[in-house]
């Protein structure tokens, strides 16, 4: 395309060079406009013809250049083919037997030809297929050059045979596949890590414990500080018992000490919560959900929306994530007598067709997922009665069931012959109702943890061979119990939850993939200066005062100013007692009804002196007799005078009445029954010079 453009530009330039300008006067223009013309006139030419000529020239030049390039490539290929033929002939002359041509070599030859981009036929004789010099049993490396004459067919070195046998034995030994050369420690908290979960891809780890916390760890996002990117309490004050990612890894099942299981998304936000059943219904099959504490739960291995839970209400229930209003199915374990028995653990088979539950009476009962009435397999005396079977897990091939009992045993079972265990080992102490066991990714080992008392030694992770059940390896984890263990098949890393709040990850840089290897190589992020220093002070002794930064001064002067401020120094108002006053509402409330209820039983009796209460209005009555005098005018009665016996004779009755009428005495009278009395009156001195006190009574008619 570049060649065509170059040629086209040259042709246009050549055509433009042939343009001739013709000049001459135009008589019509001179007669009309008064001047002979506008100058020189350009010659007309055909643009289509010019572009067609340019295109043909570019095509011819492009063909010539492509032909020259093709000839060079053919010459180069011929040289390479001759050199290859010479090498092959020299190698074939030294060997007596020619092997069959390998398919990979032929494919590489074809790919090399296609990469050369030549569509022409191969020049020269066809290439012979390369011979396998070292025999068909050994893999040849195309990149390694063979130095020296070729070996005769069937020749094998004895040292090489011994080394190969040793290597095969080492590779076949399951102990060599245990990734325990390195470890990292994740600090979950201070209490027991009772739940562990890894998503199917191995990118995220979730831990839960007795401290009610659930922590999410992202191996790709962590650095060497090994900090969780999120911590939450999905079930408030309930211990976490089980955590598991779904088969697709998009949601997490959380089983805690309450009766409702929860489903969270990958970031810890709630998606679904199972409904709680009615605890007053006797038949647990008629309730919509669990009515007692949950023990454990897990996801269906094939159906991503289905999950399984078991509870102390004596049921094992299946749920659908899309329907949180009611369970999907109910399985009710029964004892030998047909009574209800509590399941302590439950799980699905690898294909999801069977549901297994370990019960408190020591039995293991297995149902068909689609038939919940009768058990398909059961073993009544799998473990000691009264102990809690803490874990059930199926092998990857689906033929063996491993059970971790509360009677300090680990057993394997063939469900087709479920009467007696295949293998059993005792003396594995277990103090927790969720002590785990799991199979190795190659199904050759079984792993479980042991519990220890405080100060009683180190908790161990013990490996048993599946076929012989012999102890082949152990790892001393920490000075606390080993509660949870998880061996991820893709990462080839072992996760362990301990009784002192630690989650340990064991890995091998060579045998393991991703996971902990991603975060240990990252350095810790440095803390920013802005986060540690609130204010940076630059001290310049010789700077001008106008450029100095204000320093922190004493707060004494500010406190003195605040003391003078009436608003800031105002004493807080005391609590209001009673119905309230001054616009403030009392403690009993501000409504009328609350005020009436508060004061309806109050004693409203007046304990004040009635005489003082009446005499308060005496002066007002004297100044304005509008209310008091008319009241006295309506009183009709007979005045009865009684002289005080204790006082000497002074005024007689006649004199008293005269004094009474003259002075027109008015006295506040209190009414008591039919008698209206007033207290003693000092009317003055009599003839003898002594004071006389009279008691005046008005008797109502």
Foldseek 3Di string as FASTA:
>chain_A
DVLLVVLLVVLVVVVVVPKDWADDFDVVCCVPVVDGDDDIHTDDDDPVVSNVVSNVVSVVVVVVVVVVVVVVLLVVVVVVVVVVVVVQVVQVVLADDFADADPVQVVVVVVVVVVSVDPDDDPDDDDDGHGDQADDVDDDDPVDDDPDHGDYYPDDDPVVVVVVVVVVVCVPDVVNLQQFPDKDKAFQDFFFFQEWEAAQVRQKIWIFFQQQKIFIFGQQPAAQVRDTPDIDRPPPNWGWHYWYAFLRRQKIWTATFAFKIWIAGNVGHTQAIADEWDPPDPDPQPTFGHPGTWQYKAYQNPDRQKIWTFGQVQWIFIDGSVDRRGTDDIAGDAAPVRDGWGFNDWDAFNNRQKIWTQTQQQKIFICGPVDRPHTPFMERHNDHHRWAWQDWYAFPVRQKIWTRIQQQKIFIDGRVPHHDTQDMDHDQHDDDSHWDKDAALVRQKIWTKGFDDQVGAFIKIWIAGPNPRDTDDMDRDGRGTWRDWDQRNQQRKIWTITRRRMIMIRRHPPSGDRNNVNHHPGDDDDDDPVVVDVDDADDDPPDDPVPHDDDDDDCPVVVVVLCPDCVSVPDDDDADPAQDDPPDGHPQDPDPVSNCVVCVPPDPDDPDDVVVVVVVCVVVCVVPVPPPVVVVVPFDFDKDKDWDPVWDDFDDPVVVVVLCVVVVDDDDWDDDPQKIWDDWDFSAGGPVGTTIIMTIITGGD
